[in-house]
Amino acid sequence: MSLIPLFPLNLALFPGITLPLRIFEQRYLRLVTESLKSETGFGVALIRSGKEVGAAEVWPLGLYVRIVDWSQGEEGLLHVDVLGHSRFRVLDTFVEEDGLRMAEVEWLEEEAAHPIPENCDGLLAVLNELKQHAAMLSLKFDPVDSAEALSWQLAQLLPLEDAARVELLASQDPLERLASIASNLDRWAHE
């Protein structure tokens, strides 16, 4: 178990994906400063209720991220790019004096690498189509070179309900995750 700072988001983030964040609240400026100084990361978790600014309750699964780039914006905001790494389960949380939420977490097992199954041409085509429309999200994606990368990128870009995103994040097998995505594509497209 580990104790990590937590950054609640209105967006689910998956391993291997880079997300830009704009930081302006004091508690998160401290989080970023401490992460940069200690060369550590922090947790991000999808908001279940509440808002990014103020108090928020999060889903019990999240993703440990590391800062891969940062800059100071002209408007006084801090811009950071974070890259998703390891998944965790939230066991308990508490709020520090300045409002920063801390989480006691247990790490989910890392997945073994799997090649992309031969029957995934359709999913690759869907992903390429989604990426063309996702340019406005400012997300950065590495090339798809494994079943894990394919499943995480699809999970990031498909228009899913939060519960479905958390379920995919909890999945321990990329091949099962791809099968679930493939079998649910039509249903998700019509919701």
Protein backbone atom coordinates (compact mmCIF):
# COMPACT_ATOMS: atom_id res chain seq x y z
CA MET A 1 0.00 0.00 0.00
CA SER A 2 1.09 3.55 -0.70
CA LEU A 3 -0.02 7.04 0.18
CA ILE A 4 -0.21 9.36 -2.84
CA PRO A 5 -1.72 12.78 -3.62
CA LEU A 6 -4.87 12.59 -5.73
CA PHE A 7 -6.01 14.84 -8.56
CA PRO A 8 -9.74 14.34 -9.32
CA LEU A 9 -10.67 14.77 -12.99
CA ASN A 10 -13.88 14.86 -15.03
CA LEU A 11 -12.04 12.69 -17.54
CA ALA A 12 -10.87 9.12 -17.14
CA LEU A 13 -7.24 8.57 -18.07
CA PHE A 14 -5.72 5.26 -19.15
CA PRO A 15 -2.14 3.92 -19.21
CA GLY A 16 0.17 5.11 -21.96
CA ILE A 17 -1.82 8.26 -22.76
CA THR A 18 -0.55 11.80 -22.24
CA LEU A 19 -3.00 14.41 -20.97
CA PRO A 20 -2.45 18.18 -20.64
CA LEU A 21 -3.59 19.76 -17.37
CA ARG A 22 -3.97 23.43 -16.49
CA ILE A 23 -3.13 24.01 -12.84
CA PHE A 24 -4.29 27.09 -10.94
CA GLU A 25 -5.53 25.99 -7.50
CA GLN A 26 -2.96 26.30 -4.68
CA ARG A 27 -3.37 22.69 -3.59
CA TYR A 28 -2.55 21.42 -7.07
CA LEU A 29 0.29 23.89 -7.54
CA ARG A 30 1.78 22.32 -4.40
CA LEU A 31 1.13 18.83 -5.77
CA VAL A 32 2.92 19.64 -9.05
CA THR A 33 5.80 21.44 -7.32
CA GLU A 34 6.39 18.52 -4.95
CA SER A 35 6.11 16.00 -7.79
CA LEU A 36 8.68 17.87 -9.87
CA LYS A 37 11.09 18.32 -6.95
CA SER A 38 10.93 14.69 -5.85
CA GLU A 39 10.63 13.29 -9.39
CA THR A 40 7.54 11.34 -8.37
CA GLY A 41 4.04 11.28 -9.75
CA PHE A 42 0.54 11.46 -8.35
CA GLY A 43 -2.79 9.77 -8.78
CA VAL A 44 -5.63 10.87 -11.02
CA ALA A 45 -9.12 9.52 -10.54
CA LEU A 46 -12.41 10.04 -12.32
CA ILE A 47 -14.89 12.20 -10.40
CA ARG A 48 -18.00 10.31 -9.32
CA SER A 49 -19.72 13.35 -7.82
CA GLY A 50 -18.71 16.96 -7.32
CA LYS A 51 -16.46 19.17 -9.44
CA GLU A 52 -12.80 19.54 -10.30
CA VAL A 53 -12.75 22.92 -8.57
CA GLY A 54 -13.83 22.37 -4.98
CA ALA A 55 -14.77 19.08 -3.34
CA ALA A 56 -15.16 15.87 -5.31
CA GLU A 57 -15.72 12.20 -4.61
CA VAL A 58 -13.91 9.83 -6.96
CA TRP A 59 -14.41 6.32 -8.31
CA PRO A 60 -12.37 3.72 -6.42
CA LEU A 61 -9.89 3.13 -9.27
CA GLY A 62 -7.33 5.51 -10.61
CA LEU A 63 -4.10 5.91 -12.50
CA TYR A 64 -0.67 6.98 -11.31
CA VAL A 65 0.79 9.62 -13.63
CA ARG A 66 4.15 11.28 -14.08
CA ILE A 67 4.79 14.78 -15.35
CA VAL A 68 6.52 14.60 -18.73
CA ASP A 69 6.49 18.31 -19.61
CA TRP A 70 5.51 21.61 -18.03
CA SER A 71 5.48 25.34 -18.75
CA GLN A 72 4.27 28.55 -17.15
CA GLY A 73 1.44 30.11 -19.12
CA GLU A 74 1.18 33.84 -19.73
CA GLU A 75 -2.12 33.91 -17.88
CA GLY A 76 -0.43 32.67 -14.69
CA LEU A 77 -1.55 29.08 -15.12
CA LEU A 78 0.83 26.17 -14.89
CA HIS A 79 0.59 23.81 -17.86
CA VAL A 80 1.67 20.21 -17.28
CA ASP A 81 1.52 17.13 -19.47
CA VAL A 82 1.09 13.90 -17.53
CA LEU A 83 1.60 10.37 -18.82
CA GLY A 84 -0.53 7.53 -17.42
CA HIS A 85 1.42 4.67 -15.84
CA SER A 86 0.17 2.30 -13.13
CA ARG A 87 -3.37 1.52 -12.06
CA PHE A 88 -4.44 1.55 -8.43
CA ARG A 89 -7.43 0.88 -6.20
CA VAL A 90 -8.33 3.59 -3.69
CA LEU A 91 -8.63 2.13 -0.20
CA ASP A 92 -9.14 5.35 1.76
CA THR A 93 -8.85 9.10 1.32
CA PHE A 94 -8.45 12.14 3.51
CA VAL A 95 -8.17 15.85 2.82
CA GLU A 96 -5.19 17.88 3.99
CA GLU A 97 -5.46 21.40 5.43
CA ASP A 98 -5.04 23.09 2.04
CA GLY A 99 -7.70 20.87 0.44
CA LEU A 100 -5.35 18.42 -1.30
CA ARG A 101 -6.86 14.94 -1.25
CA MET A 102 -4.52 12.12 -0.29
CA ALA A 103 -5.28 8.48 -1.04
CA GLU A 104 -4.12 5.23 0.43
CA VAL A 105 -3.91 2.91 -2.56
CA GLU A 106 -3.05 -0.63 -3.52
CA TRP A 107 -1.42 -1.17 -6.88
CA LEU A 108 -3.08 -3.35 -9.48
CA GLU A 109 -0.91 -5.97 -11.09
CA GLU A 110 1.00 -4.93 -14.19
CA GLU A 111 -0.14 -6.65 -17.37
CA ALA A 112 2.04 -8.94 -19.44
CA ALA A 113 2.63 -7.72 -22.99
CA HIS A 114 0.43 -9.24 -25.69
CA PRO A 115 0.66 -8.76 -29.46
CA ILE A 116 -2.38 -7.33 -31.21
CA PRO A 117 -4.63 -10.26 -32.16
CA GLU A 118 -5.08 -10.84 -35.88
CA ASN A 119 -8.86 -10.37 -35.63
CA CYS A 120 -8.52 -6.73 -34.44
CA ASP A 121 -8.41 -4.97 -37.83
CA GLY A 122 -11.90 -3.57 -37.19
CA LEU A 123 -10.89 -2.20 -33.79
CA LEU A 124 -7.76 -0.64 -35.29
CA ALA A 125 -9.92 1.03 -37.93
CA VAL A 126 -12.29 2.34 -35.24
CA LEU A 127 -9.33 3.69 -33.27
CA ASN A 128 -7.88 5.47 -36.30
CA GLU A 129 -11.27 7.06 -36.98
CA LEU A 130 -11.60 8.15 -33.34
CA LYS A 131 -8.10 9.64 -33.35
CA GLN A 132 -9.02 11.86 -36.31
CA HIS A 133 -11.88 13.33 -34.29
CA ALA A 134 -9.94 13.43 -31.02
CA ALA A 135 -7.32 15.98 -32.07
CA MET A 136 -9.30 18.66 -30.23
CA LEU A 137 -8.86 16.81 -26.91
CA SER A 138 -5.10 17.55 -26.86
CA LEU A 139 -4.39 13.97 -25.86
CA LYS A 140 -1.17 12.39 -27.08
CA PHE A 141 -0.99 8.75 -28.12
CA ASP A 142 2.00 6.53 -28.79
CA PRO A 143 1.79 4.21 -31.80
CA VAL A 144 -0.32 1.11 -31.15
CA ASP A 145 2.11 -1.78 -30.79
CA SER A 146 0.33 -4.10 -28.38
CA ALA A 147 -3.09 -5.35 -27.29
CA GLU A 148 -2.69 -3.22 -24.14
CA ALA A 149 -2.12 0.00 -26.10
CA LEU A 150 -5.02 -0.74 -28.44
CA SER A 151 -7.43 -1.43 -25.58
CA TRP A 152 -6.36 1.62 -23.52
CA GLN A 153 -6.57 4.01 -26.47
CA LEU A 154 -10.02 2.74 -27.42
CA ALA A 155 -11.15 3.05 -23.79
CA GLN A 156 -9.87 6.63 -23.76
CA LEU A 157 -11.62 7.71 -26.96
CA LEU A 158 -14.90 5.80 -27.06
CA PRO A 159 -17.93 7.76 -25.79
CA LEU A 160 -18.53 5.63 -22.70
CA GLU A 161 -20.37 6.15 -19.46
CA ASP A 162 -18.13 6.58 -16.44
CA ALA A 163 -19.03 3.16 -14.99
CA ALA A 164 -17.93 1.46 -18.23
CA ARG A 165 -14.63 3.39 -18.17
CA VAL A 166 -13.94 2.31 -14.59
CA GLU A 167 -14.83 -1.28 -15.46
CA LEU A 168 -12.32 -1.23 -18.33
CA LEU A 169 -9.66 0.33 -16.08
CA ALA A 170 -10.21 -2.49 -13.57
CA SER A 171 -9.84 -5.21 -16.19
CA GLN A 172 -6.66 -7.25 -15.70
CA ASP A 173 -6.48 -8.83 -19.16
CA PRO A 174 -6.03 -6.79 -22.35
CA LEU A 175 -7.44 -9.56 -24.55
CA GLU A 176 -10.61 -9.72 -22.45
CA ARG A 177 -10.75 -5.91 -22.53
CA LEU A 178 -10.56 -5.93 -26.35
CA ALA A 179 -13.25 -8.63 -26.53
CA SER A 180 -15.49 -6.56 -24.25
CA ILE A 181 -14.93 -3.43 -26.33
CA ALA A 182 -15.63 -5.32 -29.57
CA SER A 183 -18.82 -6.92 -28.24
CA ASN A 184 -20.14 -3.63 -26.85
CA LEU A 185 -19.25 -1.25 -29.71
CA ASP A 186 -22.69 -1.29 -31.30
CA ARG A 187 -24.48 -0.80 -27.99
CA TRP A 188 -22.16 2.05 -26.96
CA ALA A 189 -22.57 3.74 -30.33
CA HIS A 190 -26.35 3.89 -29.88
CA GLU A 191 -26.42 5.09 -26.25
